[in-house]
Amino acid sequence: DLDQLYETARDHAELQYELAMAYVSLSRLQRAPSQSNLGDAAGAAQSLARGLELARRSLALDPRLSKNRNLISAALAYQGDLLVLEGKVHEAIPYFEQSLEMARSVRFGEGAAARLALTPINKLAEAYEVIGKRDEALALLQ
């Protein structure tokens, strides 16, 4: 059970990362845009919050685990997606901004890091467009 593992993973960065991945995956099964899901928005939000917490704790224990930064970036973008699904575009923007900031903090091959940033850039630009900030959207995409 994930909750039992959560309690035992306190000081293990790698195990916390693996659990974080499991919670983020579970949240997508519970409620995900553009794929089959259980329609459980509250459960998805709770699983996603737990996944983000674990990924951040894992990163704090071992800052060299860049895969945590990737996971955090993806999970933040997904949190924004969940808010957009609820029609809360303004509330989603800070999550997309944080996702982009985390993606830009990844330190591996320049091309790979740039590709990681594309998802939050696109999501943030789309959100800006929806709320009427066309100039900001265009500047971001350039």
C-alpha atoms as a PDB file:
ATOM      1  CA  ASP A   1       0.000   0.000   0.000  1.00  0.00           C
ATOM      2  CA  LEU A   2       1.413   3.402  -0.978  1.00  0.00           C
ATOM      3  CA  ASP A   3       0.477   5.026   2.313  1.00  0.00           C
ATOM      4  CA  GLN A   4       2.485   2.466   4.305  1.00  0.00           C
ATOM      5  CA  LEU A   5       5.498   2.938   2.049  1.00  0.00           C
ATOM      6  CA  TYR A   6       5.116   6.695   2.442  1.00  0.00           C
ATOM      7  CA  GLU A   7       5.691   6.341   6.192  1.00  0.00           C
ATOM      8  CA  THR A   8       8.799   4.159   5.790  1.00  0.00           C
ATOM      9  CA  ALA A   9      10.482   6.279   3.087  1.00  0.00           C
ATOM     10  CA  ARG A  10      11.317   9.276   5.270  1.00  0.00           C
ATOM     11  CA  ASP A  11      15.117   9.254   4.864  1.00  0.00           C
ATOM     12  CA  HIS A  12      15.476   7.478   1.520  1.00  0.00           C
ATOM     13  CA  ALA A  13      15.694   9.882  -1.424  1.00  0.00           C
ATOM     14  CA  GLU A  14      15.427   7.214  -4.114  1.00  0.00           C
ATOM     15  CA  LEU A  15      12.440   5.486  -2.486  1.00  0.00           C
ATOM     16  CA  GLN A  16      10.712   8.843  -2.025  1.00  0.00           C
ATOM     17  CA  TYR A  17      11.243   9.560  -5.715  1.00  0.00           C
ATOM     18  CA  GLU A  18       9.748   6.175  -6.707  1.00  0.00           C
ATOM     19  CA  LEU A  19       6.756   6.764  -4.437  1.00  0.00           C
ATOM     20  CA  ALA A  20       6.335  10.260  -5.839  1.00  0.00           C
ATOM     21  CA  MET A  21       6.182   8.747  -9.333  1.00  0.00           C
ATOM     22  CA  ALA A  22       3.561   6.259  -8.149  1.00  0.00           C
ATOM     23  CA  TYR A  23       1.395   8.974  -6.602  1.00  0.00           C
ATOM     24  CA  VAL A  24       1.614  11.175  -9.707  1.00  0.00           C
ATOM     25  CA  SER A  25       0.684   8.185 -11.881  1.00  0.00           C
ATOM     26  CA  LEU A  26      -2.214   7.377  -9.571  1.00  0.00           C
ATOM     27  CA  SER A  27      -3.457  10.955  -9.841  1.00  0.00           C
ATOM     28  CA  ARG A  28      -3.526  10.639 -13.621  1.00  0.00           C
ATOM     29  CA  LEU A  29      -5.648   7.496 -13.323  1.00  0.00           C
ATOM     30  CA  GLN A  30      -8.009   9.331 -11.018  1.00  0.00           C
ATOM     31  CA  ARG A  31      -8.441  12.425 -13.227  1.00  0.00           C
ATOM     32  CA  ALA A  32      -6.488  13.254 -16.332  1.00  0.00           C
ATOM     33  CA  PRO A  33      -7.143  15.532 -19.255  1.00  0.00           C
ATOM     34  CA  SER A  34      -7.430  13.798 -22.619  1.00  0.00           C
ATOM     35  CA  GLN A  35      -7.219  10.206 -21.394  1.00  0.00           C
ATOM     36  CA  SER A  36      -9.462   7.671 -19.708  1.00  0.00           C
ATOM     37  CA  ASN A  37      -9.727   8.222 -15.969  1.00  0.00           C
ATOM     38  CA  LEU A  38     -11.931   7.573 -12.951  1.00  0.00           C
ATOM     39  CA  GLY A  39     -13.278  11.136 -12.803  1.00  0.00           C
ATOM     40  CA  ASP A  40     -12.098  11.553  -9.205  1.00  0.00           C
ATOM     41  CA  ALA A  41     -10.871  15.162  -9.104  1.00  0.00           C
ATOM     42  CA  ALA A  42     -10.534  15.257  -5.303  1.00  0.00           C
ATOM     43  CA  GLY A  43      -8.580  11.998  -5.217  1.00  0.00           C
ATOM     44  CA  ALA A  44      -6.346  13.168  -8.037  1.00  0.00           C
ATOM     45  CA  ALA A  45      -5.575  16.417  -6.231  1.00  0.00           C
ATOM     46  CA  GLN A  46      -4.734  14.529  -3.042  1.00  0.00           C
ATOM     47  CA  SER A  47      -2.495  11.986  -4.813  1.00  0.00           C
ATOM     48  CA  LEU A  48      -0.774  14.724  -6.771  1.00  0.00           C
ATOM     49  CA  ALA A  49      -0.121  16.758  -3.615  1.00  0.00           C
ATOM     50  CA  ARG A  50       1.403  13.691  -1.950  1.00  0.00           C
ATOM     51  CA  GLY A  51       3.547  13.024  -5.040  1.00  0.00           C
ATOM     52  CA  LEU A  52       4.804  16.603  -5.123  1.00  0.00           C
ATOM     53  CA  GLU A  53       5.595  16.516  -1.411  1.00  0.00           C
ATOM     54  CA  LEU A  54       7.606  13.320  -1.795  1.00  0.00           C
ATOM     55  CA  ALA A  55       9.481  14.581  -4.858  1.00  0.00           C
ATOM     56  CA  ARG A  56      10.404  17.794  -3.054  1.00  0.00           C
ATOM     57  CA  ARG A  57      11.531  15.885   0.046  1.00  0.00           C
ATOM     58  CA  SER A  58      13.593  13.553  -2.120  1.00  0.00           C
ATOM     59  CA  LEU A  59      15.195  16.521  -3.870  1.00  0.00           C
ATOM     60  CA  ALA A  60      16.004  18.110  -0.497  1.00  0.00           C
ATOM     61  CA  LEU A  61      17.672  14.859   0.630  1.00  0.00           C
ATOM     62  CA  ASP A  62      19.645  14.503  -2.602  1.00  0.00           C
ATOM     63  CA  PRO A  63      19.798  17.625  -4.825  1.00  0.00           C
ATOM     64  CA  ARG A  64      21.786  15.636  -7.416  1.00  0.00           C
ATOM     65  CA  LEU A  65      18.689  13.630  -8.383  1.00  0.00           C
ATOM     66  CA  SER A  66      17.730  15.730 -11.390  1.00  0.00           C
ATOM     67  CA  LYS A  67      14.906  13.312 -12.179  1.00  0.00           C
ATOM     68  CA  ASN A  68      13.137  14.837  -9.164  1.00  0.00           C
ATOM     69  CA  ARG A  69      13.241  18.217 -10.895  1.00  0.00           C
ATOM     70  CA  ASN A  70      11.734  16.621 -14.001  1.00  0.00           C
ATOM     71  CA  LEU A  71       8.977  14.993 -11.949  1.00  0.00           C
ATOM     72  CA  ILE A  72       8.247  18.170 -10.000  1.00  0.00           C
ATOM     73  CA  SER A  73       8.048  20.164 -13.226  1.00  0.00           C
ATOM     74  CA  ALA A  74       5.655  17.635 -14.789  1.00  0.00           C
ATOM     75  CA  ALA A  75       3.528  17.376 -11.634  1.00  0.00           C
ATOM     76  CA  LEU A  76       3.223  21.155 -11.331  1.00  0.00           C
ATOM     77  CA  ALA A  77       2.136  21.389 -14.971  1.00  0.00           C
ATOM     78  CA  TYR A  78      -0.388  18.617 -14.325  1.00  0.00           C
ATOM     79  CA  GLN A  79      -1.700  20.491 -11.271  1.00  0.00           C
ATOM     80  CA  GLY A  80      -2.264  23.442 -13.589  1.00  0.00           C
ATOM     81  CA  ASP A  81      -4.045  21.136 -16.038  1.00  0.00           C
ATOM     82  CA  LEU A  82      -6.420  19.984 -13.305  1.00  0.00           C
ATOM     83  CA  LEU A  83      -7.269  23.594 -12.493  1.00  0.00           C
ATOM     84  CA  VAL A  84      -7.841  24.398 -16.169  1.00  0.00           C
ATOM     85  CA  LEU A  85     -10.250  21.430 -16.349  1.00  0.00           C
ATOM     86  CA  GLU A  86     -12.227  23.123 -13.573  1.00  0.00           C
ATOM     87  CA  GLY A  87     -12.227  26.418 -15.482  1.00  0.00           C
ATOM     88  CA  LYS A  88      -9.712  28.009 -13.088  1.00  0.00           C
ATOM     89  CA  VAL A  89      -7.198  29.284 -15.632  1.00  0.00           C
ATOM     90  CA  HIS A  90      -6.037  32.211 -13.482  1.00  0.00           C
ATOM     91  CA  GLU A  91      -5.283  29.819 -10.610  1.00  0.00           C
ATOM     92  CA  ALA A  92      -3.423  27.454 -12.966  1.00  0.00           C
ATOM     93  CA  ILE A  93      -0.934  30.062 -14.162  1.00  0.00           C
ATOM     94  CA  PRO A  94       1.297  30.022 -11.043  1.00  0.00           C
ATOM     95  CA  TYR A  95       1.604  26.230 -11.367  1.00  0.00           C
ATOM     96  CA  PHE A  96       2.655  26.527 -15.007  1.00  0.00           C
ATOM     97  CA  GLU A  97       5.138  29.264 -14.038  1.00  0.00           C
ATOM     98  CA  GLN A  98       6.612  27.092 -11.269  1.00  0.00           C
ATOM     99  CA  SER A  99       6.756  24.150 -13.666  1.00  0.00           C
ATOM    100  CA  LEU A 100       8.724  26.231 -16.139  1.00  0.00           C
ATOM    101  CA  GLU A 101      11.065  27.508 -13.429  1.00  0.00           C
ATOM    102  CA  MET A 102      11.758  23.956 -12.260  1.00  0.00           C
ATOM    103  CA  ALA A 103      12.297  22.736 -15.844  1.00  0.00           C
ATOM    104  CA  ARG A 104      14.804  25.526 -16.407  1.00  0.00           C
ATOM    105  CA  SER A 105      16.716  24.469 -13.285  1.00  0.00           C
ATOM    106  CA  VAL A 106      17.513  21.034 -14.724  1.00  0.00           C
ATOM    107  CA  ARG A 107      21.193  20.717 -15.523  1.00  0.00           C
ATOM    108  CA  PHE A 108      21.752  18.176 -18.242  1.00  0.00           C
ATOM    109  CA  GLY A 109      22.381  18.380 -21.970  1.00  0.00           C
ATOM    110  CA  GLU A 110      21.169  21.703 -23.304  1.00  0.00           C
ATOM    111  CA  GLY A 111      18.844  20.159 -25.882  1.00  0.00           C
ATOM    112  CA  ALA A 112      17.243  17.831 -23.321  1.00  0.00           C
ATOM    113  CA  ALA A 113      16.753  20.666 -20.820  1.00  0.00           C
ATOM    114  CA  ALA A 114      15.208  22.847 -23.522  1.00  0.00           C
ATOM    115  CA  ARG A 115      12.784  20.056 -24.488  1.00  0.00           C
ATOM    116  CA  LEU A 116      11.752  19.645 -20.846  1.00  0.00           C
ATOM    117  CA  ALA A 117      10.790  23.341 -20.745  1.00  0.00           C
ATOM    118  CA  LEU A 118       8.576  23.096 -23.859  1.00  0.00           C
ATOM    119  CA  THR A 119       5.565  21.631 -22.063  1.00  0.00           C
ATOM    120  CA  PRO A 120       5.286  24.324 -19.375  1.00  0.00           C
ATOM    121  CA  ILE A 121       6.040  27.035 -21.955  1.00  0.00           C
ATOM    122  CA  ASN A 122       3.174  25.835 -24.145  1.00  0.00           C
ATOM    123  CA  LYS A 123       0.770  25.424 -21.234  1.00  0.00           C
ATOM    124  CA  LEU A 124       1.629  28.851 -19.834  1.00  0.00           C
ATOM    125  CA  ALA A 125       1.291  30.494 -23.252  1.00  0.00           C
ATOM    126  CA  GLU A 126      -2.116  28.857 -23.757  1.00  0.00           C
ATOM    127  CA  ALA A 127      -3.267  30.053 -20.333  1.00  0.00           C
ATOM    128  CA  TYR A 128      -2.067  33.583 -21.065  1.00  0.00           C
ATOM    129  CA  GLU A 129      -3.984  33.492 -24.353  1.00  0.00           C
ATOM    130  CA  VAL A 130      -7.177  32.355 -22.607  1.00  0.00           C
ATOM    131  CA  ILE A 131      -7.055  35.224 -20.106  1.00  0.00           C
ATOM    132  CA  GLY A 132      -6.293  37.795 -22.804  1.00  0.00           C
ATOM    133  CA  LYS A 133      -2.552  38.232 -22.281  1.00  0.00           C
ATOM    134  CA  ARG A 134      -1.671  37.701 -25.928  1.00  0.00           C
ATOM    135  CA  ASP A 135       1.549  39.740 -25.816  1.00  0.00           C
ATOM    136  CA  GLU A 136       2.870  37.699 -22.891  1.00  0.00           C
ATOM    137  CA  ALA A 137       1.935  34.481 -24.680  1.00  0.00           C
ATOM    138  CA  LEU A 138       3.764  35.525 -27.853  1.00  0.00           C
ATOM    139  CA  ALA A 139       6.835  36.691 -25.913  1.00  0.00           C
ATOM    140  CA  LEU A 140       6.999  33.375 -24.095  1.00  0.00           C
ATOM    141  CA  LEU A 141       6.725  31.369 -27.297  1.00  0.00           C
ATOM    142  CA  GLN A 142       9.456  33.396 -28.967  1.00  0.00           C
END
